[in-house]
Protein backbone atom coordinates (compact mmCIF):
# COMPACT_ATOMS: atom_id res chain seq x y z
CA MET A 1 95.19 103.36 119.74
CA ARG A 2 97.02 105.08 116.89
CA VAL A 3 97.10 103.14 113.61
CA THR A 4 99.81 104.30 111.26
CA GLU A 5 99.63 104.03 107.51
CA GLN A 6 102.61 101.69 107.62
CA SER A 7 100.72 99.23 109.86
CA ARG A 8 97.77 99.32 107.48
CA LEU A 9 100.05 98.62 104.56
CA THR A 10 101.66 95.75 106.45
CA ALA A 11 98.25 94.25 107.20
CA ARG A 12 97.24 94.51 103.55
CA VAL A 13 100.47 92.90 102.41
CA GLY A 14 99.88 90.08 104.92
CA TYR A 15 96.38 89.57 103.55
CA LEU A 16 97.79 89.63 100.01
CA ASN A 17 100.26 86.88 100.93
CA GLN A 18 97.49 84.74 102.39
CA VAL A 19 95.36 85.10 99.27
CA SER A 20 98.40 84.43 97.07
CA ALA A 21 99.21 81.24 99.00
CA LYS A 22 95.64 79.95 98.64
CA LEU A 23 95.70 80.87 94.95
CA ASP A 24 98.96 78.98 94.42
CA LYS A 25 97.55 75.93 96.19
CA LEU A 26 94.40 75.91 94.07
CA GLN A 27 96.45 76.43 90.93
CA GLY A 28 98.62 73.47 91.88
CA GLN A 29 95.55 71.32 92.48
CA LEU A 30 94.14 72.27 89.08
CA SER A 31 97.40 71.44 87.34
CA THR A 32 97.79 68.01 89.01
CA GLY A 33 94.13 67.15 89.55
CA LYS A 34 95.05 66.11 93.10
CA ARG A 35 93.58 67.50 96.31
CA ILE A 36 96.24 65.81 98.44
CA ASP A 37 99.78 66.46 97.31
CA ARG A 38 101.43 65.77 100.67
CA ALA A 39 100.25 64.23 103.93
CA SER A 40 99.97 67.64 105.59
CA ASP A 41 97.23 68.62 103.13
CA ASP A 42 94.87 66.12 104.80
CA PRO A 43 96.52 63.75 107.31
CA ALA A 44 93.43 61.57 107.83
CA GLY A 45 92.65 61.41 104.12
CA ALA A 46 96.28 60.68 103.29
CA ALA A 47 96.31 57.72 105.71
CA ILE A 48 93.17 56.24 104.15
CA SER A 49 94.50 56.86 100.65
CA LEU A 50 97.77 55.12 101.52
CA GLY A 51 95.80 52.05 102.58
CA HIS A 52 93.97 52.07 99.25
CA ARG A 53 97.25 52.40 97.38
CA GLN A 54 98.68 49.39 99.21
CA ASP A 55 95.58 47.34 98.37
CA ILE A 56 95.82 48.41 94.73
CA ALA A 57 99.47 47.34 94.62
CA PHE A 58 98.47 43.97 96.12
CA GLU A 59 95.76 43.45 93.49
CA THR A 60 98.21 44.38 90.74
CA GLN A 61 100.63 41.73 91.99
CA MET A 62 97.80 39.21 92.23
CA ARG A 63 96.91 39.76 88.60
CA ARG A 64 100.54 39.19 87.63
CA ASN A 65 100.45 35.90 89.56
CA LEU A 66 97.14 34.99 87.96
CA SER A 67 98.34 35.80 84.46
CA ASN A 68 101.53 33.80 84.93
CA GLY A 69 99.64 30.92 86.52
CA THR A 70 96.99 30.86 83.79
CA ALA A 71 99.69 30.72 81.11
CA PHE A 72 101.40 27.84 82.95
CA LEU A 73 98.09 25.98 83.28
CA ASN A 74 97.34 26.47 79.58
CA ALA A 75 100.78 25.12 78.65
CA THR A 76 100.19 22.10 80.91
CA ASP A 77 96.79 21.46 79.37
CA SER A 78 98.28 21.58 75.86
CA ALA A 79 100.96 19.08 76.88
CA LEU A 80 98.37 16.77 78.43
CA ALA A 81 96.25 17.01 75.28
CA SER A 82 99.26 15.89 73.23
CA ALA A 83 99.89 13.04 75.67
CA GLY A 84 96.25 11.97 75.35
CA ASP A 85 96.55 11.91 71.56
CA VAL A 86 99.69 9.75 71.77
CA ILE A 87 98.10 7.28 74.18
CA GLN A 88 94.93 7.10 72.11
CA ARG A 89 96.99 6.27 69.03
CA VAL A 90 98.84 3.56 70.95
CA ARG A 91 95.49 2.12 71.99
CA GLU A 92 94.26 2.00 68.39
CA LEU A 93 97.44 0.21 67.33
CA THR A 94 97.16 -2.24 70.23
CA VAL A 95 93.60 -3.14 69.27
CA GLN A 96 94.75 -3.76 65.69
CA ALA A 97 97.72 -5.85 66.78
CA SER A 98 95.63 -7.98 69.16
CA ASN A 99 93.85 -9.52 66.18
CA ASP A 100 95.25 -13.04 65.72
CA THR A 101 94.91 -12.79 61.94
CA MET A 102 97.73 -10.21 61.90
CA GLY A 103 101.14 -11.50 60.85
CA SER A 104 104.47 -11.00 62.61
CA ASN A 105 105.73 -8.50 60.01
CA GLU A 106 102.66 -6.34 60.55
CA ARG A 107 103.11 -6.47 64.31
CA THR A 108 106.75 -5.54 63.93
CA ALA A 109 105.70 -2.51 61.87
CA ILE A 110 103.23 -1.55 64.59
CA GLY A 111 106.01 -2.05 67.14
CA ALA A 112 108.16 0.44 65.24
CA GLU A 113 105.39 3.03 65.38
CA VAL A 114 104.83 2.38 69.08
CA ASN A 115 108.55 2.93 69.62
CA GLN A 116 108.29 6.35 67.97
CA LEU A 117 105.25 7.13 70.10
CA ILE A 118 107.21 6.27 73.25
CA GLY A 119 109.83 8.83 72.23
CA HIS A 120 107.12 11.40 71.49
CA LEU A 121 105.48 10.79 74.87
CA ALA A 122 108.85 11.21 76.62
CA GLN A 123 109.25 14.51 74.76
CA VAL A 124 105.82 15.61 76.00
CA GLY A 125 106.82 14.61 79.53
CA ASN A 126 109.80 16.97 79.20
CA THR A 127 107.74 19.95 78.02
CA ASN A 128 109.43 23.21 78.98
CA PHE A 129 107.53 26.46 79.50
CA GLY A 130 109.27 29.70 80.36
CA GLY A 131 112.46 27.88 81.28
CA ALA A 132 110.71 25.39 83.58
CA TYR A 133 110.02 21.70 82.94
CA ILE A 134 106.34 21.60 83.78
CA PHE A 135 106.07 18.00 84.98
CA ALA A 136 109.26 17.95 87.11
CA GLY A 137 107.83 19.45 90.32
CA HIS A 138 110.32 21.70 92.11
CA LYS A 139 113.19 20.28 90.05
CA SER A 140 111.97 22.34 87.13
CA ASP A 141 115.49 23.28 86.00
CA GLN A 142 116.08 19.78 84.63
CA PRO A 143 114.04 17.44 82.39
CA ALA A 144 111.37 15.46 84.19
CA TYR A 145 112.34 12.22 82.39
CA THR A 146 115.57 10.60 81.26
CA THR A 147 115.62 8.02 78.49
CA THR A 148 117.95 5.04 78.59
CA GLY A 149 118.97 3.30 75.38
CA SER A 150 117.99 3.64 71.73
CA PRO A 151 115.44 2.27 71.24
CA PRO A 152 114.59 3.14 74.84
CA THR A 153 114.78 0.39 77.42
CA ALA A 154 113.65 2.69 80.23
CA VAL A 155 112.15 6.15 80.69
CA THR A 156 112.73 7.27 84.27
CA PHE A 157 111.13 10.11 86.22
CA GLN A 158 113.77 12.29 87.90
CA GLY A 159 111.62 15.13 89.21
CA ASP A 160 109.98 15.39 92.62
CA SER A 161 106.48 15.87 94.03
CA GLY A 162 106.83 19.61 94.66
CA LEU A 163 103.89 21.85 93.78
CA ARG A 164 104.40 25.24 92.11
CA VAL A 165 101.97 27.41 94.07
CA ARG A 166 100.61 30.81 93.01
CA ARG A 167 98.77 33.12 95.42
CA ILE A 168 95.47 34.23 93.91
CA SER A 169 94.06 36.22 96.85
CA LYS A 170 94.92 37.21 100.40
CA GLN A 171 93.46 33.92 101.61
CA ASP A 172 94.05 31.40 98.81
CA ALA A 173 96.96 29.85 96.94
CA VAL A 174 96.64 27.29 94.16
CA ALA A 175 99.15 24.93 92.53
CA VAL A 176 99.62 25.38 88.79
CA ASN A 177 101.47 22.16 87.99
CA VAL A 178 100.86 18.43 87.99
CA ILE A 179 103.54 15.86 88.78
CA GLY A 180 104.76 13.70 85.93
CA SER A 181 104.87 10.50 87.98
CA ASP A 182 101.23 11.03 88.98
CA VAL A 183 100.08 11.58 85.41
CA PHE A 184 102.12 9.01 83.49
CA GLY A 185 102.61 6.47 86.27
CA THR A 186 104.12 3.26 84.86
CA LEU A 187 102.92 4.05 81.34
CA PHE A 188 106.42 4.27 79.84
CA THR A 189 107.34 0.85 81.25
CA ASP A 190 104.04 -0.58 80.00
CA LEU A 191 104.52 0.82 76.48
CA ILE A 192 108.10 -0.47 76.28
CA ALA A 193 106.79 -3.92 77.25
CA LEU A 194 104.09 -3.62 74.56
CA ARG A 195 106.67 -2.68 71.93
CA ASP A 196 108.85 -5.63 72.88
CA ASN A 197 105.86 -7.99 72.69
CA LEU A 198 105.01 -6.64 69.25
CA ASN A 199 108.58 -7.09 68.04
CA GLY A 200 108.68 -10.57 69.62
CA SER A 201 105.59 -11.73 67.67
CA GLN A 202 103.63 -12.48 70.82
CA PRO A 203 100.07 -13.73 70.27
CA GLY A 204 97.09 -11.40 70.15
CA GLN A 205 95.97 -12.30 73.65
CA VAL A 206 99.29 -11.11 75.10
CA ILE A 207 99.13 -7.90 73.08
CA ALA A 208 95.55 -7.25 74.24
CA GLY A 209 96.73 -7.54 77.83
CA SER A 210 98.35 -4.10 77.48
CA LEU A 211 94.99 -2.42 76.92
CA GLN A 212 94.24 -2.29 80.63
CA GLN A 213 97.45 -0.36 81.40
CA ILE A 214 96.93 1.91 78.38
CA ASP A 215 93.36 2.72 79.44
CA ALA A 216 94.53 3.43 82.99
CA GLY A 217 97.16 5.83 81.62
CA LEU A 218 94.60 7.55 79.42
CA ASP A 219 92.26 7.93 82.40
CA ARG A 220 95.03 9.57 84.44
CA VAL A 221 95.73 12.06 81.66
CA LEU A 222 92.03 12.88 81.26
CA GLN A 223 91.67 13.33 85.02
CA ALA A 224 94.70 15.62 85.07
CA ARG A 225 93.19 17.70 82.25
CA ALA A 226 89.91 17.99 84.16
CA ASP A 227 91.81 19.13 87.24
CA ILE A 228 93.81 21.66 85.22
CA GLY A 229 90.59 22.93 83.64
CA ALA A 230 89.01 23.47 87.06
CA ARG A 231 92.07 25.37 88.28
CA THR A 232 92.10 27.49 85.11
CA ASN A 233 88.47 28.44 85.70
CA ARG A 234 89.35 29.42 89.25
CA PHE A 235 92.22 31.59 88.05
CA GLU A 236 89.97 33.30 85.51
CA SER A 237 87.31 33.95 88.18
CA ALA A 238 89.94 35.31 90.56
CA THR A 239 91.23 37.60 87.80
CA PHE A 240 87.73 38.98 87.24
CA VAL A 241 87.29 39.60 90.99
CA SER A 242 90.72 41.27 91.22
CA GLU A 243 89.96 43.59 88.31
CA ALA A 244 86.62 44.60 89.85
CA THR A 245 88.28 45.14 93.25
CA ASP A 246 91.01 47.22 91.65
CA THR A 247 88.41 49.44 89.94
CA ASP A 248 86.57 49.99 93.22
CA LEU A 249 89.79 50.76 95.11
CA ARG A 250 90.91 53.26 92.49
CA LYS A 251 87.56 55.02 92.73
CA LEU A 252 87.81 55.20 96.53
CA ARG A 253 91.35 56.56 96.26
CA ALA A 254 90.27 59.11 93.65
CA ASP A 255 87.38 60.27 95.83
CA ILE A 256 89.91 61.10 98.55
CA GLU A 257 92.88 62.35 96.53
CA ASP A 258 91.36 63.97 93.46
CA ILE A 259 89.81 67.42 93.32
CA ASP A 260 86.21 68.32 92.61
CA LEU A 261 87.05 70.05 89.33
CA PRO A 262 84.02 72.41 89.05
CA GLY A 263 84.23 73.39 92.71
CA THR A 264 87.97 73.94 92.53
CA ILE A 265 87.61 76.14 89.45
CA VAL A 266 85.00 78.30 91.25
CA ALA A 267 87.26 78.55 94.32
CA PHE A 268 90.22 79.47 92.14
CA GLN A 269 88.28 82.23 90.40
CA ALA A 270 87.11 83.60 93.77
CA GLN A 271 90.66 83.65 95.12
CA GLN A 272 91.90 85.25 91.91
CA ASN A 273 89.31 88.03 92.28
CA ALA A 274 90.30 88.53 95.91
CA TYR A 275 93.96 88.67 94.93
CA GLU A 276 93.33 91.26 92.22
CA ALA A 277 91.20 93.34 94.61
CA ALA A 278 93.93 93.28 97.23
CA LEU A 279 96.51 94.31 94.66
CA GLY A 280 94.28 97.21 93.60
CA ALA A 281 93.77 98.41 97.15
CA ILE A 282 97.46 98.36 97.92
CA GLY A 283 98.27 100.08 94.65
CA ARG A 284 95.89 102.93 95.35
CA THR A 285 97.24 103.60 98.84
CA ALA A 286 100.90 102.71 98.55
CA ASN A 287 102.01 106.18 97.30
CA MET A 288 99.54 108.38 99.23
CA THR A 289 100.94 111.26 101.34
CA LEU A 290 99.58 113.36 104.19
CA LEU A 291 98.34 115.93 101.66
CA ASP A 292 96.16 113.22 100.02
CA PHE A 293 94.40 112.67 103.32
CA LEU A 294 93.98 116.45 104.01
CA ARG A 295 92.17 117.07 100.72
């Protein structure tokens, strides 16, 4: 079979194009640090990497949920702590006022302070965080409690029993709120009755009768704080697990997508040498004539 010089040149140019294409690919990988730039580079690897990317996106969303939920829980705990302080102060005043040696003027003064504490407790019950009333359930766009009269004759819960749930993993979801009616119960009614008894100069035995309701209210607040604390710990643990999972997933994705830098540099240098050699060979033969071969 006769092989012309033109066919040889064509073959060399074809080889040069192949080497150039490989060189461009390696150069692109070195510039981006990625072995897979499109699915066609490694279909199987790209499919696995896509799964890792979806899992990473899920973990990122989980951490947003966890961060938001933790902040909401912390705000709720702070509000409950304030409520506990108010109730504790009311208890101290009630113990003082239950002493029969105390005069009516002194009880009236204590009644005035209790009245202020009722207003403060109603304000705590209407705590707003991030535009949501934390004790109102799903009706978080409106205050959890309405106050009737001044001084108040009634403080009424107007929320519902809805739970604000945050997903913390693929399997679990946890509520971040507590319901005002569950925490405060009939405490507002009980404190209004106590205030009225103080202002009405009722005897110490009648005043002391409010201690049972006050202690029950304090117990509910403390129990709610314990529950919030347990949920906060769970959110913090879930955040730690999500961060560790995210790190592992990113490593798995990098193992598939990213280049082996030393190996890629060696391959690039080899292809560059091959490219330069091909260019040299073509350059030496491109302008040769029949006389060059007859010499």
